[in-house]
């Protein structure tokens, strides 16, 4: 069971429009969707009906949860936009899609995916590094999917391209059942730290 949640109302989940080659990826999407719905946390995602995107959206819906899909108009047919969502937002561009997903979410989870998933994830990491948000970012490291990225980030840090003071708080979780509890825990910690910083700035 996730801890009592006061901070996370909606989670943006980035994931592939394909299923990948390992059954564990789709199982993770379905499990996370079920956990989110049971915890009363809404899903914000890319709006498509294929691959892991479709798996998590259908799982949230099947378990009584709320789903907001955000998709640019040129991908409505390509990614088989789901019409039975609580809210389907069709945008004019990818930039608007990403902005909408960011503004509607309190945390970000990246499931396995391709270049689009990676690009969305890295954008959130960049914004966090630049102090533009303090929302938690979690990798669903299913069967070690994100290990190459974690090694690359460590390599960047070793070579001083990620300098001291610019580290990004990126969490990798390999146990599907721990994804939601860890996300809520991090959100609570980050909210408490932000509140302390506001109090400190007044003195």
Protein backbone atom coordinates (compact mmCIF):
# COMPACT_ATOMS: atom_id res chain seq x y z
CA UNK A 1 0.00 0.00 0.00
CA UNK A 2 1.30 3.49 -0.84
CA UNK A 3 1.77 5.93 2.02
CA UNK A 4 -0.97 8.46 2.79
CA UNK A 5 -0.89 10.88 -0.12
CA UNK A 6 -1.37 14.63 0.27
CA UNK A 7 0.73 15.84 -2.64
CA UNK A 8 0.34 13.67 -5.73
CA UNK A 9 -2.98 14.02 -7.52
CA UNK A 10 -1.84 13.19 -11.04
CA UNK A 11 1.21 11.39 -12.40
CA UNK A 12 2.55 11.83 -15.90
CA UNK A 13 3.72 8.50 -17.27
CA UNK A 14 6.05 8.47 -20.25
CA UNK A 15 6.22 5.15 -22.10
CA UNK A 16 6.50 3.49 -25.48
CA UNK A 17 3.82 3.40 -28.16
CA UNK A 18 5.03 -0.15 -28.77
CA UNK A 19 4.99 -3.07 -26.30
CA UNK A 20 8.70 -3.95 -26.44
CA UNK A 21 9.94 -7.51 -26.61
CA UNK A 22 9.62 -8.46 -22.94
CA UNK A 23 6.25 -9.28 -21.33
CA UNK A 24 7.42 -7.64 -18.10
CA UNK A 25 7.10 -4.21 -19.70
CA UNK A 26 3.37 -4.51 -20.36
CA UNK A 27 2.86 -6.20 -17.00
CA UNK A 28 4.50 -3.20 -15.34
CA UNK A 29 2.22 -0.77 -17.20
CA UNK A 30 -0.89 -2.69 -16.16
CA UNK A 31 0.26 -3.02 -12.55
CA UNK A 32 1.13 0.66 -12.21
CA UNK A 33 -2.19 1.64 -13.76
CA UNK A 34 -4.06 -0.52 -11.28
CA UNK A 35 -2.12 0.88 -8.33
CA UNK A 36 -2.71 4.46 -9.42
CA UNK A 37 -6.43 3.94 -9.85
CA UNK A 38 -6.79 2.28 -6.45
CA UNK A 39 -4.85 5.14 -4.84
CA UNK A 40 -7.09 7.73 -6.48
CA UNK A 41 -4.23 9.18 -8.53
CA UNK A 42 -5.00 10.27 -12.08
CA UNK A 43 -2.95 9.32 -15.12
CA UNK A 44 -1.64 11.92 -17.54
CA UNK A 45 -0.09 10.34 -20.63
CA UNK A 46 0.38 10.72 -24.36
CA UNK A 47 -3.16 9.76 -25.36
CA UNK A 48 -2.34 6.81 -27.62
CA UNK A 49 -3.94 3.38 -27.58
CA UNK A 50 -0.98 1.33 -28.74
CA UNK A 51 1.84 -0.35 -26.83
CA UNK A 52 2.57 0.48 -23.22
CA UNK A 53 0.60 3.71 -23.56
CA UNK A 54 -2.57 1.79 -24.25
CA UNK A 55 -1.81 -0.81 -21.58
CA UNK A 56 -1.53 1.67 -18.73
CA UNK A 57 -4.50 3.77 -19.85
CA UNK A 58 -6.80 0.76 -20.15
CA UNK A 59 -5.62 -0.53 -16.77
CA UNK A 60 -6.42 2.76 -15.03
CA UNK A 61 -9.84 2.88 -16.69
CA UNK A 62 -10.60 -0.77 -15.88
CA UNK A 63 -9.88 -0.09 -12.22
CA UNK A 64 -12.07 3.00 -11.99
CA UNK A 65 -9.34 5.63 -12.29
CA UNK A 66 -9.16 8.95 -14.14
CA UNK A 67 -7.17 9.33 -17.37
CA UNK A 68 -6.14 12.46 -19.26
CA UNK A 69 -4.55 11.90 -22.65
CA UNK A 70 -2.62 14.67 -24.41
CA UNK A 71 -1.83 14.14 -28.07
CA UNK A 72 -0.88 16.41 -31.00
CA UNK A 73 -3.35 16.42 -33.87
CA UNK A 74 -0.89 14.88 -36.36
CA UNK A 75 -0.56 11.75 -34.15
CA UNK A 76 -4.25 11.16 -33.48
CA UNK A 77 -4.50 8.46 -36.16
CA UNK A 78 -0.89 7.22 -36.07
CA UNK A 79 -0.94 6.47 -32.34
CA UNK A 80 -4.63 5.45 -32.31
CA UNK A 81 -5.80 8.11 -29.85
CA UNK A 82 -8.10 6.59 -27.23
CA UNK A 83 -11.57 8.14 -27.30
CA UNK A 84 -12.95 6.60 -24.10
CA UNK A 85 -10.76 8.67 -21.78
CA UNK A 86 -12.07 11.06 -19.16
CA UNK A 87 -10.27 13.85 -20.96
CA UNK A 88 -8.57 13.82 -24.37
CA UNK A 89 -6.63 16.99 -25.13
CA UNK A 90 -5.61 17.46 -28.77
CA UNK A 91 -2.80 19.98 -29.21
CA UNK A 92 -1.37 21.77 -32.24
CA UNK A 93 2.23 20.72 -31.58
CA UNK A 94 4.55 18.45 -29.63
CA UNK A 95 5.74 21.44 -27.61
CA UNK A 96 2.19 22.18 -26.48
CA UNK A 97 1.62 18.51 -25.72
CA UNK A 98 4.63 18.41 -23.39
CA UNK A 99 3.68 21.69 -21.70
CA UNK A 100 0.16 20.43 -21.03
CA UNK A 101 1.45 17.14 -19.63
CA UNK A 102 3.87 18.98 -17.35
CA UNK A 103 1.30 21.45 -16.02
CA UNK A 104 -1.27 18.74 -15.30
CA UNK A 105 1.12 16.50 -13.34
CA UNK A 106 2.69 16.37 -9.88
CA UNK A 107 5.31 13.71 -10.67
CA UNK A 108 6.81 11.84 -13.61
CA UNK A 109 7.42 8.13 -14.14
CA UNK A 110 9.26 6.83 -17.20
CA UNK A 111 8.46 3.27 -18.24
CA UNK A 112 10.45 1.59 -21.01
CA UNK A 113 10.10 3.32 -24.36
CA UNK A 114 11.88 4.71 -27.38
CA UNK A 115 13.29 8.05 -28.46
CA UNK A 116 10.11 9.95 -27.67
CA UNK A 117 10.03 8.59 -24.14
CA UNK A 118 13.70 9.41 -23.68
CA UNK A 119 13.27 12.94 -25.04
CA UNK A 120 10.36 13.69 -22.68
CA UNK A 121 12.27 12.28 -19.72
CA UNK A 122 15.44 14.23 -20.48
CA UNK A 123 13.48 17.45 -20.85
CA UNK A 124 12.09 17.03 -17.33
CA UNK A 125 15.58 16.26 -16.02
CA UNK A 126 16.88 19.42 -17.67
CA UNK A 127 14.11 21.58 -16.24
CA UNK A 128 14.72 20.13 -12.78
CA UNK A 129 18.47 20.73 -13.10
CA UNK A 130 17.80 24.37 -14.03
CA UNK A 131 15.47 24.83 -11.06
CA UNK A 132 12.28 25.10 -13.11
CA UNK A 133 10.43 22.46 -11.10
CA UNK A 134 10.79 20.24 -8.03
CA UNK A 135 8.53 17.40 -9.10
CA UNK A 136 9.87 13.87 -8.60
CA UNK A 137 11.18 11.93 -11.61
CA UNK A 138 11.26 8.14 -11.36
CA UNK A 139 12.55 5.50 -13.75
CA UNK A 140 10.69 2.21 -13.92
CA UNK A 141 13.89 0.22 -14.36
CA UNK A 142 12.15 -2.98 -15.40
CA UNK A 143 14.63 -5.75 -16.16
CA UNK A 144 17.40 -3.13 -16.12
CA UNK A 145 15.95 -1.17 -19.04
CA UNK A 146 17.30 2.20 -17.89
CA UNK A 147 20.75 1.04 -16.77
CA UNK A 148 22.51 2.32 -19.93
CA UNK A 149 21.08 5.80 -19.29
CA UNK A 150 22.15 5.74 -15.65
CA UNK A 151 25.67 4.75 -16.73
CA UNK A 152 25.74 7.59 -19.24
CA UNK A 153 24.68 10.11 -16.58
CA UNK A 154 27.40 8.79 -14.26
CA UNK A 155 29.89 9.14 -17.13
CA UNK A 156 28.82 12.77 -17.65
CA UNK A 157 29.27 13.45 -13.97
CA UNK A 158 32.71 11.83 -13.89
CA UNK A 159 33.83 14.07 -16.75
CA UNK A 160 32.41 17.20 -15.06
CA UNK A 161 29.66 17.87 -17.59
CA UNK A 162 27.24 17.46 -14.70
CA UNK A 163 29.02 19.66 -12.20
CA UNK A 164 28.68 19.74 -8.41
CA UNK A 165 25.48 21.52 -7.47
CA UNK A 166 23.81 20.57 -10.76
CA UNK A 167 23.08 16.95 -9.93
CA UNK A 168 19.58 15.75 -10.75
CA UNK A 169 17.58 13.72 -8.29
CA UNK A 170 16.67 10.80 -10.51
CA UNK A 171 15.36 7.65 -8.86
CA UNK A 172 15.39 4.19 -10.44
CA UNK A 173 12.93 1.61 -9.10
CA UNK A 174 13.09 -1.98 -10.35
CA UNK A 175 10.25 -3.40 -8.23
CA UNK A 176 6.93 -2.51 -9.85
CA UNK A 177 5.09 -2.60 -6.53
CA UNK A 178 7.41 0.12 -5.19
CA UNK A 179 6.92 2.58 -8.05
CA UNK A 180 3.89 4.38 -6.64
CA UNK A 181 4.95 4.37 -2.96
CA UNK A 182 8.38 5.73 -3.90
CA UNK A 183 6.84 8.44 -6.07
CA UNK A 184 4.56 9.60 -3.27
CA UNK A 185 7.37 9.45 -0.73
CA UNK A 186 9.63 11.60 -2.90
CA UNK A 187 6.87 14.12 -3.58
CA UNK A 188 6.23 14.50 0.15
CA UNK A 189 9.95 14.93 0.86
CA UNK A 190 10.38 17.51 -1.89
CA UNK A 191 7.29 19.45 -0.81
CA UNK A 192 8.57 19.53 2.79
CA UNK A 193 11.98 20.76 1.64
CA UNK A 194 10.39 23.48 -0.48
CA UNK A 195 8.28 24.60 2.48
CA UNK A 196 11.36 24.75 4.71
CA UNK A 197 13.19 26.84 2.12
CA UNK A 198 10.31 29.32 2.00
CA UNK A 199 10.33 29.64 5.80
CA UNK A 200 14.11 30.05 5.85
CA UNK A 201 13.99 32.78 3.22
CA UNK A 202 11.80 34.89 5.49
CA UNK A 203 14.47 35.14 8.20
